[in-house]
Amino acid sequence: LFGVMNGPLITLAHQYWRLFTPIFIHFGL
C-alpha cells in the first residue's frame, strides 16, 4: 500500500520514495 509505483501519489502527494521502494516489492511468490 505504501511502497508500489503510483503516479498520482508520487507527483501530487509528493511520495517520492515510491520511485525507489518498488525495486524490493513483489506481487506474489
mmCIF file of all heavy atoms, coordinates in Angstrom:
data_MODEL
# 
_entry.id   MODEL 
# 
loop_
_atom_site.group_PDB 
_atom_site.id 
_atom_site.type_symbol 
_atom_site.label_atom_id 
_atom_site.label_alt_id 
_atom_site.label_comp_id 
_atom_site.label_asym_id 
_atom_site.label_entity_id 
_atom_site.label_seq_id 
_atom_site.pdbx_PDB_ins_code 
_atom_site.Cartn_x 
_atom_site.Cartn_y 
_atom_site.Cartn_z 
_atom_site.occupancy 
_atom_site.B_iso_or_equiv 
_atom_site.pdbx_formal_charge 
_atom_site.auth_seq_id 
_atom_site.auth_comp_id 
_atom_site.auth_asym_id 
_atom_site.auth_atom_id 
_atom_site.pdbx_PDB_model_num 
ATOM 1   N N   . LEU A 1 1  ? 0.823  -1.204  0.000   1.00 0.00 ? 1  LEU A N   1 
ATOM 2   C CA  . LEU A 1 1  ? 0.000  0.000   0.000   1.00 0.00 ? 1  LEU A CA  1 
ATOM 3   C C   . LEU A 1 1  ? 0.858  1.254   0.000   1.00 0.00 ? 1  LEU A C   1 
ATOM 4   O O   . LEU A 1 1  ? 0.530  2.251   -0.640  1.00 0.00 ? 1  LEU A O   1 
ATOM 5   C CB  . LEU A 1 1  ? -0.921 -0.009  1.226   1.00 0.00 ? 1  LEU A CB  1 
ATOM 6   C CG  . LEU A 1 1  ? -1.935 1.130   1.353   1.00 0.00 ? 1  LEU A CG  1 
ATOM 7   C CD1 . LEU A 1 1  ? -2.929 1.089   0.201   1.00 0.00 ? 1  LEU A CD1 1 
ATOM 8   C CD2 . LEU A 1 1  ? -2.655 1.049   2.685   1.00 0.00 ? 1  LEU A CD2 1 
ATOM 9   N N   . PHE A 1 2  ? 1.979  1.218   0.711   1.00 0.00 ? 2  PHE A N   1 
ATOM 10  C CA  . PHE A 1 2  ? 2.811  2.407   0.870   1.00 0.00 ? 2  PHE A CA  1 
ATOM 11  C C   . PHE A 1 2  ? 4.068  2.415   -0.008  1.00 0.00 ? 2  PHE A C   1 
ATOM 12  O O   . PHE A 1 2  ? 4.809  3.394   0.019   1.00 0.00 ? 2  PHE A O   1 
ATOM 13  C CB  . PHE A 1 2  ? 3.235  2.547   2.343   1.00 0.00 ? 2  PHE A CB  1 
ATOM 14  C CG  . PHE A 1 2  ? 2.107  2.823   3.273   1.00 0.00 ? 2  PHE A CG  1 
ATOM 15  C CD1 . PHE A 1 2  ? 1.593  1.817   4.077   1.00 0.00 ? 2  PHE A CD1 1 
ATOM 16  C CD2 . PHE A 1 2  ? 1.533  4.081   3.334   1.00 0.00 ? 2  PHE A CD2 1 
ATOM 17  C CE1 . PHE A 1 2  ? 0.537  2.073   4.944   1.00 0.00 ? 2  PHE A CE1 1 
ATOM 18  C CE2 . PHE A 1 2  ? 0.472  4.335   4.194   1.00 0.00 ? 2  PHE A CE2 1 
ATOM 19  C CZ  . PHE A 1 2  ? -0.030 3.327   4.997   1.00 0.00 ? 2  PHE A CZ  1 
ATOM 20  N N   . GLY A 1 3  ? 4.294  1.329   -0.793  1.00 0.00 ? 3  GLY A N   1 
ATOM 21  C CA  . GLY A 1 3  ? 5.568  1.285   -1.494  1.00 0.00 ? 3  GLY A CA  1 
ATOM 22  C C   . GLY A 1 3  ? 5.543  1.087   -2.984  1.00 0.00 ? 3  GLY A C   1 
ATOM 23  O O   . GLY A 1 3  ? 6.557  1.298   -3.651  1.00 0.00 ? 3  GLY A O   1 
ATOM 24  N N   . VAL A 1 4  ? 4.417  0.669   -3.578  1.00 0.00 ? 4  VAL A N   1 
ATOM 25  C CA  . VAL A 1 4  ? 4.407  0.378   -5.018  1.00 0.00 ? 4  VAL A CA  1 
ATOM 26  C C   . VAL A 1 4  ? 4.404  1.673   -5.821  1.00 0.00 ? 4  VAL A C   1 
ATOM 27  O O   . VAL A 1 4  ? 4.110  2.758   -5.321  1.00 0.00 ? 4  VAL A O   1 
ATOM 28  C CB  . VAL A 1 4  ? 3.186  -0.488  -5.414  1.00 0.00 ? 4  VAL A CB  1 
ATOM 29  C CG1 . VAL A 1 4  ? 3.204  -1.804  -4.670  1.00 0.00 ? 4  VAL A CG1 1 
ATOM 30  C CG2 . VAL A 1 4  ? 1.882  0.278   -5.169  1.00 0.00 ? 4  VAL A CG2 1 
ATOM 31  N N   . MET A 1 5  ? 4.709  1.541   -7.121  1.00 0.00 ? 5  MET A N   1 
ATOM 32  C CA  . MET A 1 5  ? 4.653  2.678   -8.038  1.00 0.00 ? 5  MET A CA  1 
ATOM 33  C C   . MET A 1 5  ? 3.223  3.168   -8.155  1.00 0.00 ? 5  MET A C   1 
ATOM 34  O O   . MET A 1 5  ? 2.308  2.389   -8.434  1.00 0.00 ? 5  MET A O   1 
ATOM 35  C CB  . MET A 1 5  ? 5.160  2.266   -9.416  1.00 0.00 ? 5  MET A CB  1 
ATOM 36  C CG  . MET A 1 5  ? 6.646  2.451   -9.632  1.00 0.00 ? 5  MET A CG  1 
ATOM 37  S SD  . MET A 1 5  ? 7.136  4.203   -9.581  1.00 0.00 ? 5  MET A SD  1 
ATOM 38  C CE  . MET A 1 5  ? 6.164  4.854   -10.917 1.00 0.00 ? 5  MET A CE  1 
ATOM 39  N N   . ASN A 1 6  ? 3.034  4.468   -7.943  1.00 0.00 ? 6  ASN A N   1 
ATOM 40  C CA  . ASN A 1 6  ? 1.713  5.079   -8.061  1.00 0.00 ? 6  ASN A CA  1 
ATOM 41  C C   . ASN A 1 6  ? 1.910  6.518   -8.495  1.00 0.00 ? 6  ASN A C   1 
ATOM 42  O O   . ASN A 1 6  ? 2.303  7.364   -7.691  1.00 0.00 ? 6  ASN A O   1 
ATOM 43  C CB  . ASN A 1 6  ? 0.963  4.988   -6.724  1.00 0.00 ? 6  ASN A CB  1 
ATOM 44  C CG  . ASN A 1 6  ? -0.455 5.517   -6.814  1.00 0.00 ? 6  ASN A CG  1 
ATOM 45  O OD1 . ASN A 1 6  ? -0.692 6.657   -7.188  1.00 0.00 ? 6  ASN A OD1 1 
ATOM 46  N ND2 . ASN A 1 6  ? -1.409 4.666   -6.477  1.00 0.00 ? 6  ASN A ND2 1 
ATOM 47  N N   . GLY A 1 7  ? 1.671  6.794   -9.764  1.00 0.00 ? 7  GLY A N   1 
ATOM 48  C CA  . GLY A 1 7  ? 1.949  8.105   -10.332 1.00 0.00 ? 7  GLY A CA  1 
ATOM 49  C C   . GLY A 1 7  ? 1.292  9.259   -9.601  1.00 0.00 ? 7  GLY A C   1 
ATOM 50  O O   . GLY A 1 7  ? 1.971  10.241  -9.242  1.00 0.00 ? 7  GLY A O   1 
ATOM 51  N N   . PRO A 1 8  ? -0.017 9.214   -9.358  1.00 0.00 ? 8  PRO A N   1 
ATOM 52  C CA  . PRO A 1 8  ? -0.664 10.338  -8.675  1.00 0.00 ? 8  PRO A CA  1 
ATOM 53  C C   . PRO A 1 8  ? -0.099 10.605  -7.281  1.00 0.00 ? 8  PRO A C   1 
ATOM 54  O O   . PRO A 1 8  ? 0.045  11.760  -6.877  1.00 0.00 ? 8  PRO A O   1 
ATOM 55  C CB  . PRO A 1 8  ? -2.131 9.885   -8.609  1.00 0.00 ? 8  PRO A CB  1 
ATOM 56  C CG  . PRO A 1 8  ? -2.301 8.964   -9.760  1.00 0.00 ? 8  PRO A CG  1 
ATOM 57  C CD  . PRO A 1 8  ? -1.006 8.233   -9.862  1.00 0.00 ? 8  PRO A CD  1 
ATOM 58  N N   . LEU A 1 9  ? 0.216  9.535   -6.538  1.00 0.00 ? 9  LEU A N   1 
ATOM 59  C CA  . LEU A 1 9  ? 0.749  9.732   -5.191  1.00 0.00 ? 9  LEU A CA  1 
ATOM 60  C C   . LEU A 1 9  ? 2.165  10.291  -5.210  1.00 0.00 ? 9  LEU A C   1 
ATOM 61  O O   . LEU A 1 9  ? 2.563  11.027  -4.311  1.00 0.00 ? 9  LEU A O   1 
ATOM 62  C CB  . LEU A 1 9  ? 0.710  8.414   -4.408  1.00 0.00 ? 9  LEU A CB  1 
ATOM 63  C CG  . LEU A 1 9  ? -0.685 7.909   -4.027  1.00 0.00 ? 9  LEU A CG  1 
ATOM 64  C CD1 . LEU A 1 9  ? -0.592 6.570   -3.295  1.00 0.00 ? 9  LEU A CD1 1 
ATOM 65  C CD2 . LEU A 1 9  ? -1.420 8.930   -3.171  1.00 0.00 ? 9  LEU A CD2 1 
ATOM 66  N N   . ILE A 1 10 ? 2.932  9.956   -6.233  1.00 0.00 ? 10 ILE A N   1 
ATOM 67  C CA  . ILE A 1 10 ? 4.291  10.494  -6.347  1.00 0.00 ? 10 ILE A CA  1 
ATOM 68  C C   . ILE A 1 10 ? 4.258  11.969  -6.714  1.00 0.00 ? 10 ILE A C   1 
ATOM 69  O O   . ILE A 1 10 ? 4.933  12.798  -6.103  1.00 0.00 ? 10 ILE A O   1 
ATOM 70  C CB  . ILE A 1 10 ? 5.105  9.700   -7.396  1.00 0.00 ? 10 ILE A CB  1 
ATOM 71  C CG1 . ILE A 1 10 ? 5.370  8.276   -6.916  1.00 0.00 ? 10 ILE A CG1 1 
ATOM 72  C CG2 . ILE A 1 10 ? 6.435  10.409  -7.690  1.00 0.00 ? 10 ILE A CG2 1 
ATOM 73  C CD1 . ILE A 1 10 ? 5.975  7.385   -7.971  1.00 0.00 ? 10 ILE A CD1 1 
ATOM 74  N N   . THR A 1 11 ? 3.468  12.307  -7.724  1.00 0.00 ? 11 THR A N   1 
ATOM 75  C CA  . THR A 1 11 ? 3.503  13.667  -8.273  1.00 0.00 ? 11 THR A CA  1 
ATOM 76  C C   . THR A 1 11 ? 2.618  14.647  -7.508  1.00 0.00 ? 11 THR A C   1 
ATOM 77  O O   . THR A 1 11 ? 2.958  15.831  -7.397  1.00 0.00 ? 11 THR A O   1 
ATOM 78  C CB  . THR A 1 11 ? 3.059  13.648  -9.739  1.00 0.00 ? 11 THR A CB  1 
ATOM 79  O OG1 . THR A 1 11 ? 1.748  13.056  -9.840  1.00 0.00 ? 11 THR A OG1 1 
ATOM 80  C CG2 . THR A 1 11 ? 4.026  12.835  -10.583 1.00 0.00 ? 11 THR A CG2 1 
ATOM 81  N N   . LEU A 1 12 ? 1.480  14.174  -6.989  1.00 0.00 ? 12 LEU A N   1 
ATOM 82  C CA  . LEU A 1 12 ? 0.526  15.078  -6.344  1.00 0.00 ? 12 LEU A CA  1 
ATOM 83  C C   . LEU A 1 12 ? 0.601  15.029  -4.819  1.00 0.00 ? 12 LEU A C   1 
ATOM 84  O O   . LEU A 1 12 ? 0.382  16.039  -4.157  1.00 0.00 ? 12 LEU A O   1 
ATOM 85  C CB  . LEU A 1 12 ? -0.902 14.744  -6.806  1.00 0.00 ? 12 LEU A CB  1 
ATOM 86  C CG  . LEU A 1 12 ? -1.117 14.782  -8.331  1.00 0.00 ? 12 LEU A CG  1 
ATOM 87  C CD1 . LEU A 1 12 ? -2.527 14.364  -8.687  1.00 0.00 ? 12 LEU A CD1 1 
ATOM 88  C CD2 . LEU A 1 12 ? -0.814 16.171  -8.885  1.00 0.00 ? 12 LEU A CD2 1 
ATOM 89  N N   . ALA A 1 13 ? 0.915  13.849  -4.265  1.00 0.00 ? 13 ALA A N   1 
ATOM 90  C CA  . ALA A 1 13 ? 1.041  13.713  -2.806  1.00 0.00 ? 13 ALA A CA  1 
ATOM 91  C C   . ALA A 1 13 ? 2.496  13.742  -2.355  1.00 0.00 ? 13 ALA A C   1 
ATOM 92  O O   . ALA A 1 13 ? 2.781  13.576  -1.165  1.00 0.00 ? 13 ALA A O   1 
ATOM 93  C CB  . ALA A 1 13 ? 0.366  12.429  -2.344  1.00 0.00 ? 13 ALA A CB  1 
ATOM 94  N N   . HIS A 1 14 ? 3.419  13.889  -3.305  1.00 0.00 ? 14 HIS A N   1 
ATOM 95  C CA  . HIS A 1 14 ? 4.856  14.036  -3.005  1.00 0.00 ? 14 HIS A CA  1 
ATOM 96  C C   . HIS A 1 14 ? 5.443  12.835  -2.275  1.00 0.00 ? 14 HIS A C   1 
ATOM 97  O O   . HIS A 1 14 ? 6.328  12.986  -1.433  1.00 0.00 ? 14 HIS A O   1 
ATOM 98  C CB  . HIS A 1 14 ? 5.111  15.310  -2.193  1.00 0.00 ? 14 HIS A CB  1 
ATOM 99  C CG  . HIS A 1 14 ? 4.473  16.532  -2.776  1.00 0.00 ? 14 HIS A CG  1 
ATOM 100 N ND1 . HIS A 1 14 ? 4.841  17.052  -4.007  1.00 0.00 ? 14 HIS A ND1 1 
ATOM 101 C CD2 . HIS A 1 14 ? 3.472  17.330  -2.314  1.00 0.00 ? 14 HIS A CD2 1 
ATOM 102 C CE1 . HIS A 1 14 ? 4.118  18.119  -4.271  1.00 0.00 ? 14 HIS A CE1 1 
ATOM 103 N NE2 . HIS A 1 14 ? 3.266  18.311  -3.279  1.00 0.00 ? 14 HIS A NE2 1 
ATOM 104 N N   . GLN A 1 15 ? 4.989  11.640  -2.611  1.00 0.00 ? 15 GLN A N   1 
ATOM 105 C CA  . GLN A 1 15 ? 5.538  10.414  -2.012  1.00 0.00 ? 15 GLN A CA  1 
ATOM 106 C C   . GLN A 1 15 ? 6.676  9.897   -2.901  1.00 0.00 ? 15 GLN A C   1 
ATOM 107 O O   . GLN A 1 15 ? 6.580  8.872   -3.557  1.00 0.00 ? 15 GLN A O   1 
ATOM 108 C CB  . GLN A 1 15 ? 4.433  9.382   -1.838  1.00 0.00 ? 15 GLN A CB  1 
ATOM 109 C CG  . GLN A 1 15 ? 3.347  9.826   -0.874  1.00 0.00 ? 15 GLN A CG  1 
ATOM 110 C CD  . GLN A 1 15 ? 2.274  8.776   -0.646  1.00 0.00 ? 15 GLN A CD  1 
ATOM 111 O OE1 . GLN A 1 15 ? 2.379  7.625   -1.079  1.00 0.00 ? 15 GLN A OE1 1 
ATOM 112 N NE2 . GLN A 1 15 ? 1.212  9.159   0.053   1.00 0.00 ? 15 GLN A NE2 1 
ATOM 113 N N   . TYR A 1 16 ? 7.778  10.630  -2.885  1.00 0.00 ? 16 TYR A N   1 
ATOM 114 C CA  . TYR A 1 16 ? 8.873  10.388  -3.823  1.00 0.00 ? 16 TYR A CA  1 
ATOM 115 C C   . TYR A 1 16 ? 9.595  9.067   -3.576  1.00 0.00 ? 16 TYR A C   1 
ATOM 116 O O   . TYR A 1 16 ? 10.289 8.561   -4.458  1.00 0.00 ? 16 TYR A O   1 
ATOM 117 C CB  . TYR A 1 16 ? 9.866  11.550  -3.778  1.00 0.00 ? 16 TYR A CB  1 
ATOM 118 C CG  . TYR A 1 16 ? 9.226  12.902  -4.017  1.00 0.00 ? 16 TYR A CG  1 
ATOM 119 C CD1 . TYR A 1 16 ? 9.342  13.919  -3.080  1.00 0.00 ? 16 TYR A CD1 1 
ATOM 120 C CD2 . TYR A 1 16 ? 8.492  13.146  -5.178  1.00 0.00 ? 16 TYR A CD2 1 
ATOM 121 C CE1 . TYR A 1 16 ? 8.747  15.157  -3.294  1.00 0.00 ? 16 TYR A CE1 1 
ATOM 122 C CE2 . TYR A 1 16 ? 7.898  14.375  -5.402  1.00 0.00 ? 16 TYR A CE2 1 
ATOM 123 C CZ  . TYR A 1 16 ? 8.026  15.377  -4.455  1.00 0.00 ? 16 TYR A CZ  1 
ATOM 124 O OH  . TYR A 1 16 ? 7.425  16.591  -4.672  1.00 0.00 ? 16 TYR A OH  1 
ATOM 125 N N   . TRP A 1 17 ? 9.464  8.526   -2.361  1.00 0.00 ? 17 TRP A N   1 
ATOM 126 C CA  . TRP A 1 17 ? 10.124 7.252   -2.070  1.00 0.00 ? 17 TRP A CA  1 
ATOM 127 C C   . TRP A 1 17 ? 9.612  6.133   -2.965  1.00 0.00 ? 17 TRP A C   1 
ATOM 128 O O   . TRP A 1 17 ? 10.281 5.115   -3.137  1.00 0.00 ? 17 TRP A O   1 
ATOM 129 C CB  . TRP A 1 17 ? 9.936  6.887   -0.600  1.00 0.00 ? 17 TRP A CB  1 
ATOM 130 C CG  . TRP A 1 17 ? 8.500  6.625   -0.206  1.00 0.00 ? 17 TRP A CG  1 
ATOM 131 C CD1 . TRP A 1 17 ? 7.801  5.453   -0.361  1.00 0.00 ? 17 TRP A CD1 1 
ATOM 132 C CD2 . TRP A 1 17 ? 7.591  7.549   0.393   1.00 0.00 ? 17 TRP A CD2 1 
ATOM 133 N NE1 . TRP A 1 17 ? 6.511  5.583   0.101   1.00 0.00 ? 17 TRP A NE1 1 
ATOM 134 C CE2 . TRP A 1 17 ? 6.348  6.866   0.579   1.00 0.00 ? 17 TRP A CE2 1 
ATOM 135 C CE3 . TRP A 1 17 ? 7.698  8.880   0.806   1.00 0.00 ? 17 TRP A CE3 1 
ATOM 136 C CZ2 . TRP A 1 17 ? 5.240  7.477   1.146   1.00 0.00 ? 17 TRP A CZ2 1 
ATOM 137 C CZ3 . TRP A 1 17 ? 6.593  9.489   1.384   1.00 0.00 ? 17 TRP A CZ3 1 
ATOM 138 C CH2 . TRP A 1 17 ? 5.388  8.791   1.540   1.00 0.00 ? 17 TRP A CH2 1 
ATOM 139 N N   . ARG A 1 18 ? 8.441  6.326   -3.559  1.00 0.00 ? 18 ARG A N   1 
ATOM 140 C CA  . ARG A 1 18 ? 7.866  5.292   -4.423  1.00 0.00 ? 18 ARG A CA  1 
ATOM 141 C C   . ARG A 1 18 ? 8.653  5.108   -5.724  1.00 0.00 ? 18 ARG A C   1 
ATOM 142 O O   . ARG A 1 18 ? 8.384  4.176   -6.485  1.00 0.00 ? 18 ARG A O   1 
ATOM 143 C CB  . ARG A 1 18 ? 6.408  5.619   -4.739  1.00 0.00 ? 18 ARG A CB  1 
ATOM 144 C CG  . ARG A 1 18 ? 5.469  5.474   -3.549  1.00 0.00 ? 18 ARG A CG  1 
ATOM 145 C CD  . ARG A 1 18 ? 4.053  5.858   -3.912  1.00 0.00 ? 18 ARG A CD  1 
ATOM 146 N NE  . ARG A 1 18 ? 3.132  5.806   -2.788  1.00 0.00 ? 18 ARG A NE  1 
ATOM 147 C CZ  . ARG A 1 18 ? 2.416  4.736   -2.459  1.00 0.00 ? 18 ARG A CZ  1 
ATOM 148 N NH1 . ARG A 1 18 ? 2.513  3.624   -3.178  1.00 0.00 ? 18 ARG A NH1 1 
ATOM 149 N NH2 . ARG A 1 18 ? 1.597  4.763   -1.426  1.00 0.00 ? 18 ARG A NH2 1 
ATOM 150 N N   . LEU A 1 19 ? 9.602  5.971   -6.010  1.00 0.00 ? 19 LEU A N   1 
ATOM 151 C CA  . LEU A 1 19 ? 10.497 5.757   -7.156  1.00 0.00 ? 19 LEU A CA  1 
ATOM 152 C C   . LEU A 1 19 ? 11.602 4.758   -6.813  1.00 0.00 ? 19 LEU A C   1 
ATOM 153 O O   . LEU A 1 19 ? 12.271 4.243   -7.700  1.00 0.00 ? 19 LEU A O   1 
ATOM 154 C CB  . LEU A 1 19 ? 11.122 7.086   -7.592  1.00 0.00 ? 19 LEU A CB  1 
ATOM 155 C CG  . LEU A 1 19 ? 10.164 8.113   -8.195  1.00 0.00 ? 19 LEU A CG  1 
ATOM 156 C CD1 . LEU A 1 19 ? 10.881 9.436   -8.413  1.00 0.00 ? 19 LEU A CD1 1 
ATOM 157 C CD2 . LEU A 1 19 ? 9.573  7.603   -9.507  1.00 0.00 ? 19 LEU A CD2 1 
ATOM 158 N N   . PHE A 1 20 ? 11.769 4.489   -5.512  1.00 0.00 ? 20 PHE A N   1 
ATOM 159 C CA  . PHE A 1 20 ? 12.827 3.587   -5.039  1.00 0.00 ? 20 PHE A CA  1 
ATOM 160 C C   . PHE A 1 20 ? 12.278 2.278   -4.469  1.00 0.00 ? 20 PHE A C   1 
ATOM 161 O O   . PHE A 1 20 ? 12.755 1.182   -4.806  1.00 0.00 ? 20 PHE A O   1 
ATOM 162 C CB  . PHE A 1 20 ? 13.667 4.309   -3.979  1.00 0.00 ? 20 PHE A CB  1 
ATOM 163 C CG  . PHE A 1 20 ? 14.703 3.452   -3.323  1.00 0.00 ? 20 PHE A CG  1 
ATOM 164 C CD1 . PHE A 1 20 ? 15.892 3.166   -3.970  1.00 0.00 ? 20 PHE A CD1 1 
ATOM 165 C CD2 . PHE A 1 20 ? 14.487 2.920   -2.057  1.00 0.00 ? 20 PHE A CD2 1 
ATOM 166 C CE1 . PHE A 1 20 ? 16.854 2.354   -3.364  1.00 0.00 ? 20 PHE A CE1 1 
ATOM 167 C CE2 . PHE A 1 20 ? 15.433 2.122   -1.453  1.00 0.00 ? 20 PHE A CE2 1 
ATOM 168 C CZ  . PHE A 1 20 ? 16.620 1.836   -2.111  1.00 0.00 ? 20 PHE A CZ  1 
ATOM 169 N N   . THR A 1 21 ? 11.283 2.362   -3.616  1.00 0.00 ? 21 THR A N   1 
ATOM 170 C CA  . THR A 1 21 ? 10.794 1.180   -2.898  1.00 0.00 ? 21 THR A CA  1 
ATOM 171 C C   . THR A 1 21 ? 10.236 0.061   -3.784  1.00 0.00 ? 21 THR A C   1 
ATOM 172 O O   . THR A 1 21 ? 10.339 -1.106  -3.386  1.00 0.00 ? 21 THR A O   1 
ATOM 173 C CB  . THR A 1 21 ? 9.722  1.587   -1.860  1.00 0.00 ? 21 THR A CB  1 
ATOM 174 O OG1 . THR A 1 21 ? 8.708  2.374   -2.506  1.00 0.00 ? 21 THR A OG1 1 
ATOM 175 C CG2 . THR A 1 21 ? 10.349 2.389   -0.738  1.00 0.00 ? 21 THR A CG2 1 
ATOM 176 N N   . PRO A 1 22 ? 9.657  0.345   -4.965  1.00 0.00 ? 22 PRO A N   1 
ATOM 177 C CA  . PRO A 1 22 ? 9.128  -0.763  -5.778  1.00 0.00 ? 22 PRO A CA  1 
ATOM 178 C C   . PRO A 1 22 ? 10.169 -1.791  -6.179  1.00 0.00 ? 22 PRO A C   1 
ATOM 179 O O   . PRO A 1 22 ? 9.829  -2.935  -6.500  1.00 0.00 ? 22 PRO A O   1 
ATOM 180 C CB  . PRO A 1 22 ? 8.552  -0.056  -7.015  1.00 0.00 ? 22 PRO A CB  1 
ATOM 181 C CG  . PRO A 1 22 ? 8.218  1.305   -6.545  1.00 0.00 ? 22 PRO A CG  1 
ATOM 182 C CD  . PRO A 1 22 ? 9.296  1.654   -5.560  1.00 0.00 ? 22 PRO A CD  1 
ATOM 183 N N   . ILE A 1 23 ? 11.450 -1.422  -6.152  1.00 0.00 ? 23 ILE A N   1 
ATOM 184 C CA  . ILE A 1 23 ? 12.519 -2.348  -6.533  1.00 0.00 ? 23 ILE A CA  1 
ATOM 185 C C   . ILE A 1 23 ? 12.505 -3.594  -5.645  1.00 0.00 ? 23 ILE A C   1 
ATOM 186 O O   . ILE A 1 23 ? 12.876 -4.684  -6.082  1.00 0.00 ? 23 ILE A O   1 
ATOM 187 C CB  . ILE A 1 23 ? 13.898 -1.648  -6.440  1.00 0.00 ? 23 ILE A CB  1 
ATOM 188 C CG1 . ILE A 1 23 ? 13.957 -0.460  -7.395  1.00 0.00 ? 23 ILE A CG1 1 
ATOM 189 C CG2 . ILE A 1 23 ? 15.036 -2.625  -6.734  1.00 0.00 ? 23 ILE A CG2 1 
ATOM 190 C CD1 . ILE A 1 23 ? 15.206 0.401   -7.218  1.00 0.00 ? 23 ILE A CD1 1 
ATOM 191 N N   . PHE A 1 24 ? 12.039 -3.448  -4.407  1.00 0.00 ? 24 PHE A N   1 
ATOM 192 C CA  . PHE A 1 24 ? 12.108 -4.547  -3.434  1.00 0.00 ? 24 PHE A CA  1 
ATOM 193 C C   . PHE A 1 24 ? 10.748 -5.176  -3.141  1.00 0.00 ? 24 PHE A C   1 
ATOM 194 O O   . PHE A 1 24 ? 10.661 -6.069  -2.305  1.00 0.00 ? 24 PHE A O   1 
ATOM 195 C CB  . PHE A 1 24 ? 12.729 -4.034  -2.131  1.00 0.00 ? 24 PHE A CB  1 
ATOM 196 C CG  . PHE A 1 24 ? 14.125 -3.511  -2.299  1.00 0.00 ? 24 PHE A CG  1 
ATOM 197 C CD1 . PHE A 1 24 ? 14.363 -2.148  -2.390  1.00 0.00 ? 24 PHE A CD1 1 
ATOM 198 C CD2 . PHE A 1 24 ? 15.197 -4.378  -2.396  1.00 0.00 ? 24 PHE A CD2 1 
ATOM 199 C CE1 . PHE A 1 24 ? 15.657 -1.657  -2.564  1.00 0.00 ? 24 PHE A CE1 1 
ATOM 200 C CE2 . PHE A 1 24 ? 16.482 -3.908  -2.564  1.00 0.00 ? 24 PHE A CE2 1 
ATOM 201 C CZ  . PHE A 1 24 ? 16.716 -2.540  -2.658  1.00 0.00 ? 24 PHE A CZ  1 
ATOM 202 N N   . ILE A 1 25 ? 9.699  -4.727  -3.830  1.00 0.00 ? 25 ILE A N   1 
ATOM 203 C CA  . ILE A 1 25 ? 8.349  -5.246  -3.576  1.00 0.00 ? 25 ILE A CA  1 
ATOM 204 C C   . ILE A 1 25 ? 7.905  -6.140  -4.729  1.00 0.00 ? 25 ILE A C   1 
ATOM 205 O O   . ILE A 1 25 ? 8.132  -5.806  -5.900  1.00 0.00 ? 25 ILE A O   1 
ATOM 206 C CB  . ILE A 1 25 ? 7.354  -4.081  -3.392  1.00 0.00 ? 25 ILE A CB  1 
ATOM 207 C CG1 . ILE A 1 25 ? 7.730  -3.257  -2.150  1.00 0.00 ? 25 ILE A CG1 1 
ATOM 208 C CG2 . ILE A 1 25 ? 5.922  -4.592  -3.273  1.00 0.00 ? 25 ILE A CG2 1 
ATOM 209 C CD1 . ILE A 1 25 ? 6.900  -2.001  -1.977  1.00 0.00 ? 25 ILE A CD1 1 
ATOM 210 N N   . HIS A 1 26 ? 7.270  -7.275  -4.398  1.00 0.00 ? 26 HIS A N   1 
ATOM 211 C CA  . HIS A 1 26 ? 6.825  -8.215  -5.439  1.00 0.00 ? 26 HIS A CA  1 
ATOM 212 C C   . HIS A 1 26 ? 5.384  -8.634  -5.203  1.00 0.00 ? 26 HIS A C   1 
ATOM 213 O O   . HIS A 1 26 ? 4.932  -8.754  -4.073  1.00 0.00 ? 26 HIS A O   1 
ATOM 214 C CB  . HIS A 1 26 ? 7.740  -9.449  -5.478  1.00 0.00 ? 26 HIS A CB  1 
ATOM 215 C CG  . HIS A 1 26 ? 9.117  -9.128  -5.956  1.00 0.00 ? 26 HIS A CG  1 
ATOM 216 N ND1 . HIS A 1 26 ? 10.093 -8.654  -5.103  1.00 0.00 ? 26 HIS A ND1 1 
ATOM 217 C CD2 . HIS A 1 26 ? 9.671  -9.189  -7.192  1.00 0.00 ? 26 HIS A CD2 1 
ATOM 218 C CE1 . HIS A 1 26 ? 11.203 -8.448  -5.802  1.00 0.00 ? 26 HIS A CE1 1 
ATOM 219 N NE2 . HIS A 1 26 ? 10.972 -8.754  -7.057  1.00 0.00 ? 26 HIS A NE2 1 
ATOM 220 N N   . PHE A 1 27 ? 4.687  -8.857  -6.328  1.00 0.00 ? 27 PHE A N   1 
ATOM 221 C CA  . PHE A 1 27 ? 3.296  -9.280  -6.286  1.00 0.00 ? 27 PHE A CA  1 
ATOM 222 C C   . PHE A 1 27 ? 3.224  -10.804 -6.409  1.00 0.00 ? 27 PHE A C   1 
ATOM 223 O O   . PHE A 1 27 ? 3.193  -11.342 -7.503  1.00 0.00 ? 27 PHE A O   1 
ATOM 224 C CB  . PHE A 1 27 ? 2.497  -8.643  -7.421  1.00 0.00 ? 27 PHE A CB  1 
ATOM 225 C CG  . PHE A 1 27 ? 2.471  -7.140  -7.375  1.00 0.00 ? 27 PHE A CG  1 
ATOM 226 C CD1 . PHE A 1 27 ? 2.703  -6.404  -8.522  1.00 0.00 ? 27 PHE A CD1 1 
ATOM 227 C CD2 . PHE A 1 27 ? 2.193  -6.466  -6.201  1.00 0.00 ? 27 PHE A CD2 1 
ATOM 228 C CE1 . PHE A 1 27 ? 2.660  -5.021  -8.494  1.00 0.00 ? 27 PHE A CE1 1 
ATOM 229 C CE2 . PHE A 1 27 ? 2.148  -5.077  -6.158  1.00 0.00 ? 27 PHE A CE2 1 
ATOM 230 C CZ  . PHE A 1 27 ? 2.385  -4.348  -7.311  1.00 0.00 ? 27 PHE A CZ  1 
ATOM 231 N N   . GLY A 1 28 ? 3.246  -11.506 -5.318  1.00 0.00 ? 28 GLY A N   1 
ATOM 232 C CA  . GLY A 1 28 ? 3.104  -12.951 -5.349  1.00 0.00 ? 28 GLY A CA  1 
ATOM 233 C C   . GLY A 1 28 ? 4.430  -13.686 -5.323  1.00 0.00 ? 28 GLY A C   1 
ATOM 234 O O   . GLY A 1 28 ? 5.494  -13.149 -5.658  1.00 0.00 ? 28 GLY A O   1 
ATOM 235 N N   . LEU A 1 29 ? 4.366  -14.968 -4.944  1.00 0.00 ? 29 LEU A N   1 
ATOM 236 C CA  . LEU A 1 29 ? 5.559  -15.788 -4.771  1.00 0.00 ? 29 LEU A CA  1 
ATOM 237 C C   . LEU A 1 29 ? 6.264  -16.058 -6.104  1.00 0.00 ? 29 LEU A C   1 
ATOM 238 O O   . LEU A 1 29 ? 7.497  -16.042 -6.173  1.00 0.00 ? 29 LEU A O   1 
ATOM 239 C CB  . LEU A 1 29 ? 5.175  -17.119 -4.103  1.00 0.00 ? 29 LEU A CB  1 
ATOM 240 C CG  . LEU A 1 29 ? 6.324  -18.062 -3.754  1.00 0.00 ? 29 LEU A CG  1 
ATOM 241 C CD1 . LEU A 1 29 ? 7.307  -17.395 -2.797  1.00 0.00 ? 29 LEU A CD1 1 
ATOM 242 C CD2 . LEU A 1 29 ? 5.786  -19.351 -3.140  1.00 0.00 ? 29 LEU A CD2 1 
# 
